[in-house]
Amino acid sequence: MGHRFIVFLLVLLTVAASAWLAQDSDPSQPARKVVRMVTPVYPDLARRLQMFGVVKLTAKVAPDGSVKSTKPVGGHPVLVNAAQDAVMSWKFAPAPSETRELIELRFNPR
């Protein structure tokens, strides 16, 4: 019974996150071009544990192209912090208004 509840809860959270992303992004608006991209620093803890994975973030981007804030959508917390630190330094092409960009970063130990 407890296992089914956990699976149900995970499915529910996945559906809720997908619905939130669908509301938050405008499919008629093309993604803004990244003008300056900073590569995330692979965390030492993640390297020691040979941790890998994908981090998804939404970034609120100002009209001038600077990243105002980020919100994690998915990924391990150790990797999410590194991804957020890097994306906050990114610069996007200017646009007439503020946008939200969905960003996906892959982490692989080397």
C-alpha atoms as a PDB file:
ATOM      1  CA  MET A   1       0.000   0.000   0.000  1.00  0.00           C
ATOM      2  CA  GLY A   2       2.785   2.469   0.910  1.00  0.00           C
ATOM      3  CA  HIS A   3       4.693   1.691  -2.298  1.00  0.00           C
ATOM      4  CA  ARG A   4       1.641   2.423  -4.453  1.00  0.00           C
ATOM      5  CA  PHE A   5       1.098   5.721  -2.682  1.00  0.00           C
ATOM      6  CA  ILE A   6       4.691   6.795  -3.332  1.00  0.00           C
ATOM      7  CA  VAL A   7       4.441   5.854  -7.015  1.00  0.00           C
ATOM      8  CA  PHE A   8       1.131   7.729  -7.269  1.00  0.00           C
ATOM      9  CA  LEU A   9       2.697  10.771  -5.608  1.00  0.00           C
ATOM     10  CA  LEU A  10       5.674  10.734  -7.995  1.00  0.00           C
ATOM     11  CA  VAL A  11       3.388  10.487 -11.027  1.00  0.00           C
ATOM     12  CA  LEU A  12       1.244  13.312  -9.679  1.00  0.00           C
ATOM     13  CA  LEU A  13       4.283  15.544  -9.137  1.00  0.00           C
ATOM     14  CA  THR A  14       5.550  14.810 -12.653  1.00  0.00           C
ATOM     15  CA  VAL A  15       2.193  15.728 -14.187  1.00  0.00           C
ATOM     16  CA  ALA A  16       1.964  18.891 -12.077  1.00  0.00           C
ATOM     17  CA  ALA A  17       5.472  19.975 -13.101  1.00  0.00           C
ATOM     18  CA  SER A  18       4.655  19.363 -16.772  1.00  0.00           C
ATOM     19  CA  ALA A  19       1.469  21.405 -16.506  1.00  0.00           C
ATOM     20  CA  TRP A  20       3.365  24.226 -14.785  1.00  0.00           C
ATOM     21  CA  LEU A  21       5.971  24.286 -17.559  1.00  0.00           C
ATOM     22  CA  ALA A  22       3.298  24.278 -20.236  1.00  0.00           C
ATOM     23  CA  GLN A  23       1.627  27.302 -18.631  1.00  0.00           C
ATOM     24  CA  ASP A  24       4.869  29.143 -18.015  1.00  0.00           C
ATOM     25  CA  SER A  25       6.323  28.969 -21.511  1.00  0.00           C
ATOM     26  CA  ASP A  26       4.876  30.441 -24.665  1.00  0.00           C
ATOM     27  CA  PRO A  27       5.271  27.969 -27.551  1.00  0.00           C
ATOM     28  CA  SER A  28       4.603  30.717 -30.090  1.00  0.00           C
ATOM     29  CA  GLN A  29       7.748  32.497 -28.882  1.00  0.00           C
ATOM     30  CA  PRO A  30      11.009  30.982 -30.120  1.00  0.00           C
ATOM     31  CA  ALA A  31      13.725  30.367 -27.536  1.00  0.00           C
ATOM     32  CA  ARG A  32      16.100  33.277 -27.129  1.00  0.00           C
ATOM     33  CA  LYS A  33      19.618  32.808 -28.431  1.00  0.00           C
ATOM     34  CA  VAL A  34      22.346  32.390 -25.825  1.00  0.00           C
ATOM     35  CA  VAL A  35      25.031  34.994 -26.482  1.00  0.00           C
ATOM     36  CA  ARG A  36      27.382  34.040 -23.618  1.00  0.00           C
ATOM     37  CA  MET A  37      27.302  30.619 -22.000  1.00  0.00           C
ATOM     38  CA  VAL A  38      29.227  29.690 -18.861  1.00  0.00           C
ATOM     39  CA  THR A  39      29.944  25.980 -18.403  1.00  0.00           C
ATOM     40  CA  PRO A  40      28.897  24.660 -14.978  1.00  0.00           C
ATOM     41  CA  VAL A  41      31.647  23.636 -12.578  1.00  0.00           C
ATOM     42  CA  TYR A  42      31.343  19.900 -11.959  1.00  0.00           C
ATOM     43  CA  PRO A  43      30.988  19.633  -8.139  1.00  0.00           C
ATOM     44  CA  ASP A  44      33.739  17.691  -6.316  1.00  0.00           C
ATOM     45  CA  LEU A  45      31.146  15.610  -4.456  1.00  0.00           C
ATOM     46  CA  ALA A  46      29.484  14.644  -7.731  1.00  0.00           C
ATOM     47  CA  ARG A  47      32.880  13.732  -9.193  1.00  0.00           C
ATOM     48  CA  ARG A  48      33.806  11.547  -6.183  1.00  0.00           C
ATOM     49  CA  LEU A  49      30.460   9.749  -6.362  1.00  0.00           C
ATOM     50  CA  GLN A  50      30.656   9.538 -10.177  1.00  0.00           C
ATOM     51  CA  MET A  51      27.277  11.241 -10.259  1.00  0.00           C
ATOM     52  CA  PHE A  52      25.824  12.105 -13.646  1.00  0.00           C
ATOM     53  CA  GLY A  53      22.499  13.266 -14.965  1.00  0.00           C
ATOM     54  CA  VAL A  54      20.422  16.000 -16.505  1.00  0.00           C
ATOM     55  CA  VAL A  55      19.390  19.213 -14.791  1.00  0.00           C
ATOM     56  CA  LYS A  56      16.415  21.165 -16.092  1.00  0.00           C
ATOM     57  CA  LEU A  57      15.919  24.790 -15.109  1.00  0.00           C
ATOM     58  CA  THR A  58      13.660  27.619 -16.091  1.00  0.00           C
ATOM     59  CA  ALA A  59      15.409  30.965 -16.286  1.00  0.00           C
ATOM     60  CA  LYS A  60      13.668  34.317 -16.064  1.00  0.00           C
ATOM     61  CA  VAL A  61      15.474  36.487 -18.609  1.00  0.00           C
ATOM     62  CA  ALA A  62      15.226  40.275 -18.620  1.00  0.00           C
ATOM     63  CA  PRO A  63      14.695  42.231 -21.866  1.00  0.00           C
ATOM     64  CA  ASP A  64      18.423  43.119 -21.896  1.00  0.00           C
ATOM     65  CA  GLY A  65      19.329  39.399 -21.904  1.00  0.00           C
ATOM     66  CA  SER A  66      20.549  39.078 -18.326  1.00  0.00           C
ATOM     67  CA  VAL A  67      19.280  36.174 -16.235  1.00  0.00           C
ATOM     68  CA  LYS A  68      17.212  37.489 -13.327  1.00  0.00           C
ATOM     69  CA  SER A  69      16.478  34.157 -11.627  1.00  0.00           C
ATOM     70  CA  THR A  70      16.388  30.413 -12.120  1.00  0.00           C
ATOM     71  CA  LYS A  71      14.057  27.727 -10.861  1.00  0.00           C
ATOM     72  CA  PRO A  72      14.956  24.022 -10.834  1.00  0.00           C
ATOM     73  CA  VAL A  73      12.573  21.727 -12.686  1.00  0.00           C
ATOM     74  CA  GLY A  74      14.508  18.504 -12.266  1.00  0.00           C
ATOM     75  CA  GLY A  75      17.847  16.985 -11.373  1.00  0.00           C
ATOM     76  CA  HIS A  76      19.950  16.009  -8.370  1.00  0.00           C
ATOM     77  CA  PRO A  77      20.318  18.904  -5.865  1.00  0.00           C
ATOM     78  CA  VAL A  78      24.145  18.755  -5.988  1.00  0.00           C
ATOM     79  CA  LEU A  79      24.045  19.185  -9.760  1.00  0.00           C
ATOM     80  CA  VAL A  80      21.182  21.716  -9.653  1.00  0.00           C
ATOM     81  CA  ASN A  81      23.259  24.149  -7.570  1.00  0.00           C
ATOM     82  CA  ALA A  82      26.142  24.017 -10.052  1.00  0.00           C
ATOM     83  CA  ALA A  83      23.758  24.481 -12.984  1.00  0.00           C
ATOM     84  CA  GLN A  84      22.028  27.470 -11.367  1.00  0.00           C
ATOM     85  CA  ASP A  85      25.362  29.151 -10.575  1.00  0.00           C
ATOM     86  CA  ALA A  86      26.453  28.829 -14.212  1.00  0.00           C
ATOM     87  CA  VAL A  87      23.157  29.897 -15.804  1.00  0.00           C
ATOM     88  CA  MET A  88      23.010  33.042 -13.650  1.00  0.00           C
ATOM     89  CA  SER A  89      26.131  34.167 -15.594  1.00  0.00           C
ATOM     90  CA  TRP A  90      24.636  33.474 -19.017  1.00  0.00           C
ATOM     91  CA  LYS A  91      23.667  36.274 -21.373  1.00  0.00           C
ATOM     92  CA  PHE A  92      20.829  35.997 -23.898  1.00  0.00           C
ATOM     93  CA  ALA A  93      20.034  38.080 -26.953  1.00  0.00           C
ATOM     94  CA  PRO A  94      17.912  41.151 -26.181  1.00  0.00           C
ATOM     95  CA  ALA A  95      14.126  40.881 -26.574  1.00  0.00           C
ATOM     96  CA  PRO A  96      11.179  43.285 -26.274  1.00  0.00           C
ATOM     97  CA  SER A  97      10.005  41.741 -22.996  1.00  0.00           C
ATOM     98  CA  GLU A  98      10.993  39.408 -20.184  1.00  0.00           C
ATOM     99  CA  THR A  99      10.887  35.716 -21.080  1.00  0.00           C
ATOM    100  CA  ARG A 100      11.213  32.355 -19.385  1.00  0.00           C
ATOM    101  CA  GLU A 101      13.621  29.921 -20.993  1.00  0.00           C
ATOM    102  CA  LEU A 102      13.750  26.180 -20.389  1.00  0.00           C
ATOM    103  CA  ILE A 103      17.376  25.053 -20.063  1.00  0.00           C
ATOM    104  CA  GLU A 104      18.682  21.493 -19.955  1.00  0.00           C
ATOM    105  CA  LEU A 105      22.263  20.775 -18.865  1.00  0.00           C
ATOM    106  CA  ARG A 106      23.930  17.348 -18.895  1.00  0.00           C
ATOM    107  CA  PHE A 107      26.534  16.386 -16.298  1.00  0.00           C
ATOM    108  CA  ASN A 108      28.916  13.479 -16.990  1.00  0.00           C
ATOM    109  CA  PRO A 109      31.964  12.549 -14.885  1.00  0.00           C
ATOM    110  CA  ARG A 110      35.217  12.585 -16.848  1.00  0.00           C
END
